[in-house]
Amino acid sequence: AVGQKRSTVAQLVQTLEENDAMKYSIVVAATASEAAPLQYIAPFTGCTMGEYFRDNGKHAVIIYDDLSKQAVAYRQMSLLLRRPPGREAYPGDVFYLHSRLLERAAKMNDKL
């Protein structure tokens, strides 16, 4: 959960606990009150965990909520680093960043 309210994340965790789903779930959260670098890195952290399970023969599903808030965090960091802004002040590579992240969550061929 990227950029979500802390109470929203707590409700999600409570719902997972009530349905006995936390024993096989991992929640990576960088709430709205967290710093921009933490909101930027949270989806990559979750994806890396999913890749670990996938690469060890387990099933994994990743849900990104919400990548637009990660883009805002990336924009904040890029503007502070004085990188040239693109459309709507977002850095030009934000779309490449998200496509690369989504490709990492792909179903892999059994031969790989």
PDB file of N, CA and C in Angstrom:
ATOM      1  N   ALA A   1       0.851  -1.168   0.000  1.00  0.00           N
ATOM      2  CA  ALA A   1       0.000   0.000   0.000  1.00  0.00           C
ATOM      3  C   ALA A   1       0.896   1.229   0.000  1.00  0.00           C
ATOM      4  N   VAL A   2       0.826   1.989  -1.068  1.00  0.00           N
ATOM      5  CA  VAL A   2       1.676   3.163  -1.232  1.00  0.00           C
ATOM      6  C   VAL A   2       0.833   4.418  -1.098  1.00  0.00           C
ATOM      7  N   GLY A   3       1.182   5.275  -0.157  1.00  0.00           N
ATOM      8  CA  GLY A   3       0.512   6.552  -0.003  1.00  0.00           C
ATOM      9  C   GLY A   3      -0.900   6.470   0.546  1.00  0.00           C
ATOM     10  N   GLN A   4      -1.296   5.324   1.073  1.00  0.00           N
ATOM     11  CA  GLN A   4      -2.632   5.167   1.648  1.00  0.00           C
ATOM     12  C   GLN A   4      -2.623   5.639   3.101  1.00  0.00           C
ATOM     13  N   LYS A   5      -3.796   5.933   3.622  1.00  0.00           N
ATOM     14  CA  LYS A   5      -3.897   6.309   5.033  1.00  0.00           C
ATOM     15  C   LYS A   5      -3.566   5.097   5.905  1.00  0.00           C
ATOM     16  N   ARG A   6      -2.974   5.369   7.035  1.00  0.00           N
ATOM     17  CA  ARG A   6      -2.602   4.292   7.965  1.00  0.00           C
ATOM     18  C   ARG A   6      -3.834   3.492   8.396  1.00  0.00           C
ATOM     19  N   SER A   7      -4.969   4.170   8.580  1.00  0.00           N
ATOM     20  CA  SER A   7      -6.199   3.481   8.998  1.00  0.00           C
ATOM     21  C   SER A   7      -6.703   2.533   7.911  1.00  0.00           C
ATOM     22  N   THR A   8      -6.523   2.907   6.651  1.00  0.00           N
ATOM     23  CA  THR A   8      -6.932   2.038   5.541  1.00  0.00           C
ATOM     24  C   THR A   8      -6.097   0.765   5.525  1.00  0.00           C
ATOM     25  N   VAL A   9      -4.803   0.907   5.739  1.00  0.00           N
ATOM     26  CA  VAL A   9      -3.918  -0.260   5.785  1.00  0.00           C
ATOM     27  C   VAL A   9      -4.278  -1.138   6.980  1.00  0.00           C
ATOM     28  N   ALA A  10      -4.584  -0.528   8.120  1.00  0.00           N
ATOM     29  CA  ALA A  10      -4.976  -1.291   9.312  1.00  0.00           C
ATOM     30  C   ALA A  10      -6.264  -2.073   9.066  1.00  0.00           C
ATOM     31  N   GLN A  11      -7.218  -1.472   8.354  1.00  0.00           N
ATOM     32  CA  GLN A  11      -8.466  -2.178   8.023  1.00  0.00           C
ATOM     33  C   GLN A  11      -8.190  -3.371   7.119  1.00  0.00           C
ATOM     34  N   LEU A  12      -7.285  -3.199   6.154  1.00  0.00           N
ATOM     35  CA  LEU A  12      -6.925  -4.300   5.258  1.00  0.00           C
ATOM     36  C   LEU A  12      -6.311  -5.452   6.041  1.00  0.00           C
ATOM     37  N   VAL A  13      -5.373  -5.136   6.920  1.00  0.00           N
ATOM     38  CA  VAL A  13      -4.724  -6.176   7.726  1.00  0.00           C
ATOM     39  C   VAL A  13      -5.745  -6.868   8.621  1.00  0.00           C
ATOM     40  N   GLN A  14      -6.660  -6.107   9.203  1.00  0.00           N
ATOM     41  CA  GLN A  14      -7.698  -6.697  10.051  1.00  0.00           C
ATOM     42  C   GLN A  14      -8.584  -7.644   9.246  1.00  0.00           C
ATOM     43  N   THR A  15      -8.952  -7.253   8.039  1.00  0.00           N
ATOM     44  CA  THR A  15      -9.766  -8.120   7.181  1.00  0.00           C
ATOM     45  C   THR A  15      -9.021  -9.403   6.841  1.00  0.00           C
ATOM     46  N   LEU A  16      -7.731  -9.288   6.535  1.00  0.00           N
ATOM     47  CA  LEU A  16      -6.933 -10.482   6.247  1.00  0.00           C
ATOM     48  C   LEU A  16      -6.840 -11.386   7.471  1.00  0.00           C
ATOM     49  N   GLU A  17      -6.681 -10.802   8.655  1.00  0.00           N
ATOM     50  CA  GLU A  17      -6.611 -11.594   9.889  1.00  0.00           C
ATOM     51  C   GLU A  17      -7.931 -12.287  10.181  1.00  0.00           C
ATOM     52  N   GLU A  18      -9.047 -11.573   9.994  1.00  0.00           N
ATOM     53  CA  GLU A  18     -10.370 -12.156  10.251  1.00  0.00           C
ATOM     54  C   GLU A  18     -10.654 -13.338   9.335  1.00  0.00           C
ATOM     55  N   ASN A  19     -10.098 -13.321   8.135  1.00  0.00           N
ATOM     56  CA  ASN A  19     -10.306 -14.401   7.180  1.00  0.00           C
ATOM     57  C   ASN A  19      -9.154 -15.400   7.175  1.00  0.00           C
ATOM     58  N   ASP A  20      -8.317 -15.335   8.199  1.00  0.00           N
ATOM     59  CA  ASP A  20      -7.196 -16.264   8.383  1.00  0.00           C
ATOM     60  C   ASP A  20      -6.254 -16.278   7.176  1.00  0.00           C
ATOM     61  N   ALA A  21      -6.077 -15.111   6.565  1.00  0.00           N
ATOM     62  CA  ALA A  21      -5.236 -15.017   5.373  1.00  0.00           C
ATOM     63  C   ALA A  21      -3.840 -14.470   5.662  1.00  0.00           C
ATOM     64  N   MET A  22      -3.607 -13.967   6.852  1.00  0.00           N
ATOM     65  CA  MET A  22      -2.291 -13.397   7.154  1.00  0.00           C
ATOM     66  C   MET A  22      -1.203 -14.461   7.259  1.00  0.00           C
ATOM     67  N   LYS A  23      -1.595 -15.731   7.443  1.00  0.00           N
ATOM     68  CA  LYS A  23      -0.573 -16.772   7.541  1.00  0.00           C
ATOM     69  C   LYS A  23       0.129 -17.012   6.206  1.00  0.00           C
ATOM     70  N   TYR A  24      -0.465 -16.558   5.107  1.00  0.00           N
ATOM     71  CA  TYR A  24       0.181 -16.689   3.801  1.00  0.00           C
ATOM     72  C   TYR A  24       0.214 -15.360   3.042  1.00  0.00           C
ATOM     73  N   SER A  25       0.146 -14.256   3.773  1.00  0.00           N
ATOM     74  CA  SER A  25       0.159 -12.928   3.153  1.00  0.00           C
ATOM     75  C   SER A  25       1.259 -12.061   3.752  1.00  0.00           C
ATOM     76  N   ILE A  26       1.774 -11.169   2.926  1.00  0.00           N
ATOM     77  CA  ILE A  26       2.733 -10.159   3.369  1.00  0.00           C
ATOM     78  C   ILE A  26       2.183  -8.813   2.917  1.00  0.00           C
ATOM     79  N   VAL A  27       2.122  -7.860   3.817  1.00  0.00           N
ATOM     80  CA  VAL A  27       1.670  -6.512   3.482  1.00  0.00           C
ATOM     81  C   VAL A  27       2.869  -5.581   3.599  1.00  0.00           C
ATOM     82  N   VAL A  28       3.225  -4.962   2.485  1.00  0.00           N
ATOM     83  CA  VAL A  28       4.283  -3.952   2.474  1.00  0.00           C
ATOM     84  C   VAL A  28       3.582  -2.609   2.356  1.00  0.00           C
ATOM     85  N   ALA A  29       3.774  -1.753   3.331  1.00  0.00           N
ATOM     86  CA  ALA A  29       3.059  -0.478   3.345  1.00  0.00           C
ATOM     87  C   ALA A  29       4.016   0.684   3.572  1.00  0.00           C
ATOM     88  N   ALA A  30       3.843   1.708   2.761  1.00  0.00           N
ATOM     89  CA  ALA A  30       4.480   3.007   2.971  1.00  0.00           C
ATOM     90  C   ALA A  30       3.335   4.004   2.936  1.00  0.00           C
ATOM     91  N   THR A  31       2.829   4.335   4.105  1.00  0.00           N
ATOM     92  CA  THR A  31       1.612   5.141   4.201  1.00  0.00           C
ATOM     93  C   THR A  31       1.869   6.588   3.781  1.00  0.00           C
ATOM     94  N   ALA A  32       0.791   7.355   3.717  1.00  0.00           N
ATOM     95  CA  ALA A  32       0.877   8.752   3.292  1.00  0.00           C
ATOM     96  C   ALA A  32       1.761   9.579   4.214  1.00  0.00           C
ATOM     97  N   SER A  33       1.905   9.154   5.458  1.00  0.00           N
ATOM     98  CA  SER A  33       2.736   9.902   6.404  1.00  0.00           C
ATOM     99  C   SER A  33       4.221   9.553   6.292  1.00  0.00           C
ATOM    100  N   GLU A  34       4.552   8.563   5.485  1.00  0.00           N
ATOM    101  CA  GLU A  34       5.956   8.167   5.310  1.00  0.00           C
ATOM    102  C   GLU A  34       6.644   9.100   4.314  1.00  0.00           C
ATOM    103  N   ALA A  35       7.954   9.111   4.348  1.00  0.00           N
ATOM    104  CA  ALA A  35       8.744   9.947   3.441  1.00  0.00           C
ATOM    105  C   ALA A  35       8.651   9.431   2.004  1.00  0.00           C
ATOM    106  N   ALA A  36       8.858  10.330   1.051  1.00  0.00           N
ATOM    107  CA  ALA A  36       8.762   9.983  -0.369  1.00  0.00           C
ATOM    108  C   ALA A  36       9.683   8.823  -0.772  1.00  0.00           C
ATOM    109  N   PRO A  37      10.933   8.758  -0.296  1.00  0.00           N
ATOM    110  CA  PRO A  37      11.772   7.616  -0.684  1.00  0.00           C
ATOM    111  C   PRO A  37      11.197   6.263  -0.247  1.00  0.00           C
ATOM    112  N   LEU A  38      10.536   6.217   0.905  1.00  0.00           N
ATOM    113  CA  LEU A  38       9.920   4.959   1.348  1.00  0.00           C
ATOM    114  C   LEU A  38       8.728   4.598   0.465  1.00  0.00           C
ATOM    115  N   GLN A  39       7.941   5.602   0.062  1.00  0.00           N
ATOM    116  CA  GLN A  39       6.818   5.349  -0.834  1.00  0.00           C
ATOM    117  C   GLN A  39       7.313   4.912  -2.205  1.00  0.00           C
ATOM    118  N   TYR A  40       8.459   5.430  -2.615  1.00  0.00           N
ATOM    119  CA  TYR A  40       9.039   5.042  -3.906  1.00  0.00           C
ATOM    120  C   TYR A  40       9.511   3.595  -3.886  1.00  0.00           C
ATOM    121  N   ILE A  41      10.151   3.173  -2.823  1.00  0.00           N
ATOM    122  CA  ILE A  41      10.796   1.856  -2.787  1.00  0.00           C
ATOM    123  C   ILE A  41       9.852   0.720  -2.407  1.00  0.00           C
ATOM    124  N   ALA A  42       8.716   1.015  -1.787  1.00  0.00           N
ATOM    125  CA  ALA A  42       7.808  -0.032  -1.298  1.00  0.00           C
ATOM    126  C   ALA A  42       7.352  -1.006  -2.388  1.00  0.00           C
ATOM    127  N   PRO A  43       6.926  -0.563  -3.584  1.00  0.00           N
ATOM    128  CA  PRO A  43       6.524  -1.538  -4.604  1.00  0.00           C
ATOM    129  C   PRO A  43       7.671  -2.453  -5.035  1.00  0.00           C
ATOM    130  N   PHE A  44       8.889  -1.924  -5.082  1.00  0.00           N
ATOM    131  CA  PHE A  44      10.037  -2.748  -5.446  1.00  0.00           C
ATOM    132  C   PHE A  44      10.314  -3.795  -4.373  1.00  0.00           C
ATOM    133  N   THR A  45      10.121  -3.431  -3.119  1.00  0.00           N
ATOM    134  CA  THR A  45      10.304  -4.369  -2.013  1.00  0.00           C
ATOM    135  C   THR A  45       9.304  -5.515  -2.107  1.00  0.00           C
ATOM    136  N   GLY A  46       8.034  -5.178  -2.324  1.00  0.00           N
ATOM    137  CA  GLY A  46       7.003  -6.208  -2.466  1.00  0.00           C
ATOM    138  C   GLY A  46       7.252  -7.107  -3.661  1.00  0.00           C
ATOM    139  N   CYS A  47       7.676  -6.516  -4.766  1.00  0.00           N
ATOM    140  CA  CYS A  47       7.953  -7.297  -5.970  1.00  0.00           C
ATOM    141  C   CYS A  47       9.120  -8.258  -5.741  1.00  0.00           C
ATOM    142  N   THR A  48      10.138  -7.800  -5.055  1.00  0.00           N
ATOM    143  CA  THR A  48      11.289  -8.653  -4.760  1.00  0.00           C
ATOM    144  C   THR A  48      10.883  -9.839  -3.891  1.00  0.00           C
ATOM    145  N   MET A  49       9.995  -9.610  -2.931  1.00  0.00           N
ATOM    146  CA  MET A  49       9.505 -10.716  -2.097  1.00  0.00           C
ATOM    147  C   MET A  49       8.728 -11.720  -2.939  1.00  0.00           C
ATOM    148  N   GLY A  50       7.875 -11.228  -3.820  1.00  0.00           N
ATOM    149  CA  GLY A  50       7.118 -12.117  -4.704  1.00  0.00           C
ATOM    150  C   GLY A  50       8.028 -12.915  -5.623  1.00  0.00           C
ATOM    151  N   GLU A  51       9.072 -12.271  -6.150  1.00  0.00           N
ATOM    152  CA  GLU A  51      10.028 -12.972  -7.014  1.00  0.00           C
ATOM    153  C   GLU A  51      10.748 -14.078  -6.246  1.00  0.00           C
ATOM    154  N   TYR A  52      11.057 -13.830  -4.991  1.00  0.00           N
ATOM    155  CA  TYR A  52      11.718 -14.849  -4.174  1.00  0.00           C
ATOM    156  C   TYR A  52      10.849 -16.104  -4.085  1.00  0.00           C
ATOM    157  N   PHE A  53       9.565 -15.920  -3.769  1.00  0.00           N
ATOM    158  CA  PHE A  53       8.677 -17.076  -3.657  1.00  0.00           C
ATOM    159  C   PHE A  53       8.492 -17.756  -5.008  1.00  0.00           C
ATOM    160  N   ARG A  54       8.318 -16.965  -6.068  1.00  0.00           N
ATOM    161  CA  ARG A  54       8.167 -17.523  -7.412  1.00  0.00           C
ATOM    162  C   ARG A  54       9.393 -18.340  -7.799  1.00  0.00           C
ATOM    163  N   ASP A  55      10.575 -17.799  -7.554  1.00  0.00           N
ATOM    164  CA  ASP A  55      11.808 -18.478  -7.936  1.00  0.00           C
ATOM    165  C   ASP A  55      12.060 -19.735  -7.118  1.00  0.00           C
ATOM    166  N   ASN A  56      11.396 -19.865  -5.969  1.00  0.00           N
ATOM    167  CA  ASN A  56      11.526 -21.064  -5.142  1.00  0.00           C
ATOM    168  C   ASN A  56      10.350 -22.011  -5.312  1.00  0.00           C
ATOM    169  N   GLY A  57       9.630 -21.881  -6.429  1.00  0.00           N
ATOM    170  CA  GLY A  57       8.569 -22.814  -6.771  1.00  0.00           C
ATOM    171  C   GLY A  57       7.238 -22.579  -6.090  1.00  0.00           C
ATOM    172  N   LYS A  58       7.065 -21.460  -5.433  1.00  0.00           N
ATOM    173  CA  LYS A  58       5.800 -21.147  -4.758  1.00  0.00           C
ATOM    174  C   LYS A  58       4.946 -20.264  -5.660  1.00  0.00           C
ATOM    175  N   HIS A  59       3.678 -20.172  -5.323  1.00  0.00           N
ATOM    176  CA  HIS A  59       2.771 -19.275  -6.032  1.00  0.00           C
ATOM    177  C   HIS A  59       2.788 -17.917  -5.337  1.00  0.00           C
ATOM    178  N   ALA A  60       2.706 -16.872  -6.143  1.00  0.00           N
ATOM    179  CA  ALA A  60       2.719 -15.519  -5.577  1.00  0.00           C
ATOM    180  C   ALA A  60       1.824 -14.608  -6.408  1.00  0.00           C
ATOM    181  N   VAL A  61       1.115 -13.731  -5.726  1.00  0.00           N
ATOM    182  CA  VAL A  61       0.308 -12.690  -6.362  1.00  0.00           C
ATOM    183  C   VAL A  61       0.710 -11.373  -5.717  1.00  0.00           C
ATOM    184  N   ILE A  62       0.927 -10.359  -6.552  1.00  0.00           N
ATOM    185  CA  ILE A  62       1.256  -9.040  -6.007  1.00  0.00           C
ATOM    186  C   ILE A  62       0.177  -8.054  -6.425  1.00  0.00           C
ATOM    187  N   ILE A  63      -0.216  -7.226  -5.475  1.00  0.00           N
ATOM    188  CA  ILE A  63      -1.230  -6.201  -5.716  1.00  0.00           C
ATOM    189  C   ILE A  63      -0.593  -4.862  -5.366  1.00  0.00           C
ATOM    190  N   TYR A  64      -0.519  -3.982  -6.354  1.00  0.00           N
ATOM    191  CA  TYR A  64       0.034  -2.643  -6.139  1.00  0.00           C
ATOM    192  C   TYR A  64      -1.110  -1.672  -5.880  1.00  0.00           C
ATOM    193  N   ASP A  65      -1.089  -1.023  -4.730  1.00  0.00           N
ATOM    194  CA  ASP A  65      -2.121  -0.038  -4.405  1.00  0.00           C
ATOM    195  C   ASP A  65      -1.438   1.153  -3.741  1.00  0.00           C
ATOM    196  N   ASP A  66      -1.033   2.121  -4.386  1.00  0.00           N
ATOM    197  CA  ASP A  66      -1.443   2.578  -5.677  1.00  0.00           C
ATOM    198  C   ASP A  66      -0.229   3.194  -6.356  1.00  0.00           C
ATOM    199  N   LEU A  67       0.030   2.802  -7.605  1.00  0.00           N
ATOM    200  CA  LEU A  67       1.242   3.243  -8.293  1.00  0.00           C
ATOM    201  C   LEU A  67       1.219   4.724  -8.652  1.00  0.00           C
ATOM    202  N   SER A  68       0.041   5.320  -8.741  1.00  0.00           N
ATOM    203  CA  SER A  68       0.010   6.761  -9.026  1.00  0.00           C
ATOM    204  C   SER A  68       0.603   7.550  -7.856  1.00  0.00           C
ATOM    205  N   LYS A  69       0.421   7.053  -6.647  1.00  0.00           N
ATOM    206  CA  LYS A  69       1.016   7.731  -5.485  1.00  0.00           C
ATOM    207  C   LYS A  69       2.519   7.478  -5.425  1.00  0.00           C
ATOM    208  N   GLN A  70       2.958   6.347  -5.959  1.00  0.00           N
ATOM    209  CA  GLN A  70       4.389   6.115  -6.068  1.00  0.00           C
ATOM    210  C   GLN A  70       4.990   7.087  -7.087  1.00  0.00           C
ATOM    211  N   ALA A  71       4.252   7.359  -8.172  1.00  0.00           N
ATOM    212  CA  ALA A  71       4.722   8.314  -9.178  1.00  0.00           C
ATOM    213  C   ALA A  71       4.861   9.716  -8.579  1.00  0.00           C
ATOM    214  N   VAL A  72       3.941  10.089  -7.705  1.00  0.00           N
ATOM    215  CA  VAL A  72       4.026  11.396  -7.037  1.00  0.00           C
ATOM    216  C   VAL A  72       5.275  11.450  -6.155  1.00  0.00           C
ATOM    217  N   ALA A  73       5.551  10.371  -5.440  1.00  0.00           N
ATOM    218  CA  ALA A  73       6.752  10.319  -4.596  1.00  0.00           C
ATOM    219  C   ALA A  73       8.011  10.399  -5.453  1.00  0.00           C
ATOM    220  N   TYR A  74       8.001   9.710  -6.589  1.00  0.00           N
ATOM    221  CA  TYR A  74       9.144   9.746  -7.508  1.00  0.00           C
ATOM    222  C   TYR A  74       9.331  11.155  -8.073  1.00  0.00           C
ATOM    223  N   ARG A  75       8.219  11.827  -8.367  1.00  0.00           N
ATOM    224  CA  ARG A  75       8.283  13.204  -8.864  1.00  0.00           C
ATOM    225  C   ARG A  75       8.902  14.117  -7.807  1.00  0.00           C
ATOM    226  N   GLN A  76       8.496  13.966  -6.552  1.00  0.00           N
ATOM    227  CA  GLN A  76       9.066  14.787  -5.479  1.00  0.00           C
ATOM    228  C   GLN A  76      10.576  14.588  -5.378  1.00  0.00           C
ATOM    229  N   MET A  77      10.999  13.337  -5.425  1.00  0.00           N
ATOM    230  CA  MET A  77      12.427  13.049  -5.323  1.00  0.00           C
ATOM    231  C   MET A  77      13.184  13.604  -6.524  1.00  0.00           C
ATOM    232  N   SER A  78      12.622  13.455  -7.716  1.00  0.00           N
ATOM    233  CA  SER A  78      13.290  13.930  -8.926  1.00  0.00           C
ATOM    234  C   SER A  78      13.413  15.447  -8.946  1.00  0.00           C
ATOM    235  N   LEU A  79      12.367  16.139  -8.500  1.00  0.00           N
ATOM    236  CA  LEU A  79      12.436  17.600  -8.459  1.00  0.00           C
ATOM    237  C   LEU A  79      13.470  18.074  -7.443  1.00  0.00           C
ATOM    238  N   LEU A  80      13.569  17.374  -6.306  1.00  0.00           N
ATOM    239  CA  LEU A  80      14.590  17.729  -5.318  1.00  0.00           C
ATOM    240  C   LEU A  80      16.002  17.496  -5.854  1.00  0.00           C
ATOM    241  N   LEU A  81      16.133  16.485  -6.719  1.00  0.00           N
ATOM    242  CA  LEU A  81      17.437  16.182  -7.322  1.00  0.00           C
ATOM    243  C   LEU A  81      17.707  17.032  -8.561  1.00  0.00           C
ATOM    244  N   ARG A  82      16.772  17.938  -8.872  1.00  0.00           N
ATOM    245  CA  ARG A  82      16.873  18.860 -10.001  1.00  0.00           C
ATOM    246  C   ARG A  82      16.969  18.150 -11.344  1.00  0.00           C
ATOM    247  N   ARG A  83      16.275  17.025 -11.464  1.00  0.00           N
ATOM    248  CA  ARG A  83      16.173  16.347 -12.758  1.00  0.00           C
ATOM    249  C   ARG A  83      15.136  17.078 -13.596  1.00  0.00           C
ATOM    250  N   PRO A  84      15.331  17.151 -14.903  1.00  0.00           N
ATOM    251  CA  PRO A  84      14.380  17.902 -15.731  1.00  0.00           C
ATOM    252  C   PRO A  84      13.005  17.234 -15.749  1.00  0.00           C
ATOM    253  N   PRO A  85      11.963  18.010 -15.459  1.00  0.00           N
ATOM    254  CA  PRO A  85      10.613  17.431 -15.453  1.00  0.00           C
ATOM    255  C   PRO A  85      10.085  17.248 -16.867  1.00  0.00           C
ATOM    256  N   GLY A  86       9.134  16.332 -16.990  1.00  0.00           N
ATOM    257  CA  GLY A  86       8.454  16.100 -18.261  1.00  0.00           C
ATOM    258  C   GLY A  86       7.020  16.568 -18.159  1.00  0.00           C
ATOM    259  N   ARG A  87       6.123  15.759 -18.688  1.00  0.00           N
ATOM    260  CA  ARG A  87       4.706  16.088 -18.673  1.00  0.00           C
ATOM    261  C   ARG A  87       4.182  16.186 -17.249  1.00  0.00           C
ATOM    262  N   GLU A  88       3.463  17.246 -16.938  1.00  0.00           N
ATOM    263  CA  GLU A  88       2.870  17.488 -15.619  1.00  0.00           C
ATOM    264  C   GLU A  88       3.904  17.393 -14.494  1.00  0.00           C
ATOM    265  N   ALA A  89       5.131  17.777 -14.795  1.00  0.00           N
ATOM    266  CA  ALA A  89       6.255  17.805 -13.855  1.00  0.00           C
ATOM    267  C   ALA A  89       6.729  16.421 -13.425  1.00  0.00           C
ATOM    268  N   TYR A  90       6.187  15.356 -14.031  1.00  0.00           N
ATOM    269  CA  TYR A  90       6.699  14.015 -13.749  1.00  0.00           C
ATOM    270  C   TYR A  90       7.980  13.808 -14.547  1.00  0.00           C
ATOM    271  N   PRO A  91       8.935  13.075 -14.013  1.00  0.00           N
ATOM    272  CA  PRO A  91      10.136  12.778 -14.789  1.00  0.00           C
ATOM    273  C   PRO A  91       9.777  11.913 -15.998  1.00  0.00           C
ATOM    274  N   GLY A  92      10.529  12.046 -17.055  1.00  0.00           N
ATOM    275  CA  GLY A  92      10.230  11.333 -18.290  1.00  0.00           C
ATOM    276  C   GLY A  92      10.277   9.824 -18.165  1.00  0.00           C
ATOM    277  N   ASP A  93      11.036   9.307 -17.217  1.00  0.00           N
ATOM    278  CA  ASP A  93      11.181   7.857 -17.112  1.00  0.00           C
ATOM    279  C   ASP A  93      10.197   7.206 -16.148  1.00  0.00           C
ATOM    280  N   VAL A  94       9.207   7.952 -15.651  1.00  0.00           N
ATOM    281  CA  VAL A  94       8.261   7.370 -14.690  1.00  0.00           C
ATOM    282  C   VAL A  94       7.446   6.253 -15.342  1.00  0.00           C
ATOM    283  N   PHE A  95       7.131   6.391 -16.628  1.00  0.00           N
ATOM    284  CA  PHE A  95       6.344   5.359 -17.303  1.00  0.00           C
ATOM    285  C   PHE A  95       7.192   4.108 -17.541  1.00  0.00           C
ATOM    286  N   TYR A  96       8.472   4.305 -17.854  1.00  0.00           N
ATOM    287  CA  TYR A  96       9.388   3.184 -17.983  1.00  0.00           C
ATOM    288  C   TYR A  96       9.549   2.489 -16.636  1.00  0.00           C
ATOM    289  N   LEU A  97       9.621   3.260 -15.587  1.00  0.00           N
ATOM    290  CA  LEU A  97       9.758   2.724 -14.234  1.00  0.00           C
ATOM    291  C   LEU A  97       8.597   1.788 -13.899  1.00  0.00           C
ATOM    292  N   HIS A  98       7.371   2.225 -14.198  1.00  0.00           N
ATOM    293  CA  HIS A  98       6.195   1.408 -13.893  1.00  0.00           C
ATOM    294  C   HIS A  98       6.100   0.191 -14.802  1.00  0.00           C
ATOM    295  N   SER A  99       6.430   0.335 -16.078  1.00  0.00           N
ATOM    296  CA  SER A  99       6.361  -0.827 -16.964  1.00  0.00           C
ATOM    297  C   SER A  99       7.372  -1.882 -16.541  1.00  0.00           C
ATOM    298  N   ARG A 100       8.547  -1.458 -16.130  1.00  0.00           N
ATOM    299  CA  ARG A 100       9.560  -2.409 -15.663  1.00  0.00           C
ATOM    300  C   ARG A 100       9.091  -3.122 -14.399  1.00  0.00           C
ATOM    301  N   LEU A 101       8.457  -2.392 -13.512  1.00  0.00           N
ATOM    302  CA  LEU A 101       7.939  -2.977 -12.274  1.00  0.00           C
ATOM    303  C   LEU A 101       6.844  -3.998 -12.573  1.00  0.00           C
ATOM    304  N   LEU A 102       5.938  -3.663 -13.486  1.00  0.00           N
ATOM    305  CA  LEU A 102       4.849  -4.581 -13.828  1.00  0.00           C
ATOM    306  C   LEU A 102       5.360  -5.812 -14.570  1.00  0.00           C
ATOM    307  N   GLU A 103       6.386  -5.656 -15.397  1.00  0.00           N
ATOM    308  CA  GLU A 103       6.958  -6.806 -16.099  1.00  0.00           C
ATOM    309  C   GLU A 103       7.598  -7.790 -15.128  1.00  0.00           C
ATOM    310  N   ARG A 104       8.117  -7.306 -14.039  1.00  0.00           N
ATOM    311  CA  ARG A 104       8.726  -8.196 -13.043  1.00  0.00           C
ATOM    312  C   ARG A 104       7.692  -9.113 -12.400  1.00  0.00           C
ATOM    313  N   ALA A 105       6.423  -8.747 -12.441  1.00  0.00           N
ATOM    314  CA  ALA A 105       5.360  -9.544 -11.826  1.00  0.00           C
ATOM    315  C   ALA A 105       4.768 -10.553 -12.805  1.00  0.00           C
ATOM    316  N   ALA A 106       5.426 -10.792 -13.924  1.00  0.00           N
ATOM    317  CA  ALA A 106       4.884 -11.657 -14.974  1.00  0.00           C
ATOM    318  C   ALA A 106       4.946 -13.131 -14.594  1.00  0.00           C
ATOM    319  N   LYS A 107       4.059 -13.917 -15.220  1.00  0.00           N
ATOM    320  CA  LYS A 107       4.110 -15.375 -15.074  1.00  0.00           C
ATOM    321  C   LYS A 107       5.271 -15.875 -15.921  1.00  0.00           C
ATOM    322  N   MET A 108       6.121 -16.682 -15.329  1.00  0.00           N
ATOM    323  CA  MET A 108       7.306 -17.167 -16.025  1.00  0.00           C
ATOM    324  C   MET A 108       7.042 -18.540 -16.626  1.00  0.00           C
ATOM    325  N   ASN A 109       7.709 -18.821 -17.725  1.00  0.00           N
ATOM    326  CA  ASN A 109       7.658 -20.118 -18.381  1.00  0.00           C
ATOM    327  C   ASN A 109       8.340 -21.144 -17.474  1.00  0.00           C
ATOM    328  N   ASP A 110       7.816 -22.365 -17.434  1.00  0.00           N
ATOM    329  CA  ASP A 110       8.395 -23.403 -16.572  1.00  0.00           C
ATOM    330  C   ASP A 110       9.836 -23.735 -16.947  1.00  0.00           C
ATOM    331  N   LYS A 111      10.232 -23.482 -18.202  1.00  0.00           N
ATOM    332  CA  LYS A 111      11.586 -23.788 -18.653  1.00  0.00           C
ATOM    333  C   LYS A 111      12.616 -22.817 -18.090  1.00  0.00           C
ATOM    334  N   LEU A 112      12.165 -21.669 -17.619  1.00  0.00           N
ATOM    335  CA  LEU A 112      13.117 -20.657 -17.135  1.00  0.00           C
ATOM    336  C   LEU A 112      13.547 -20.909 -15.723  1.00  0.00           C
TER     337      LEU A 112
END
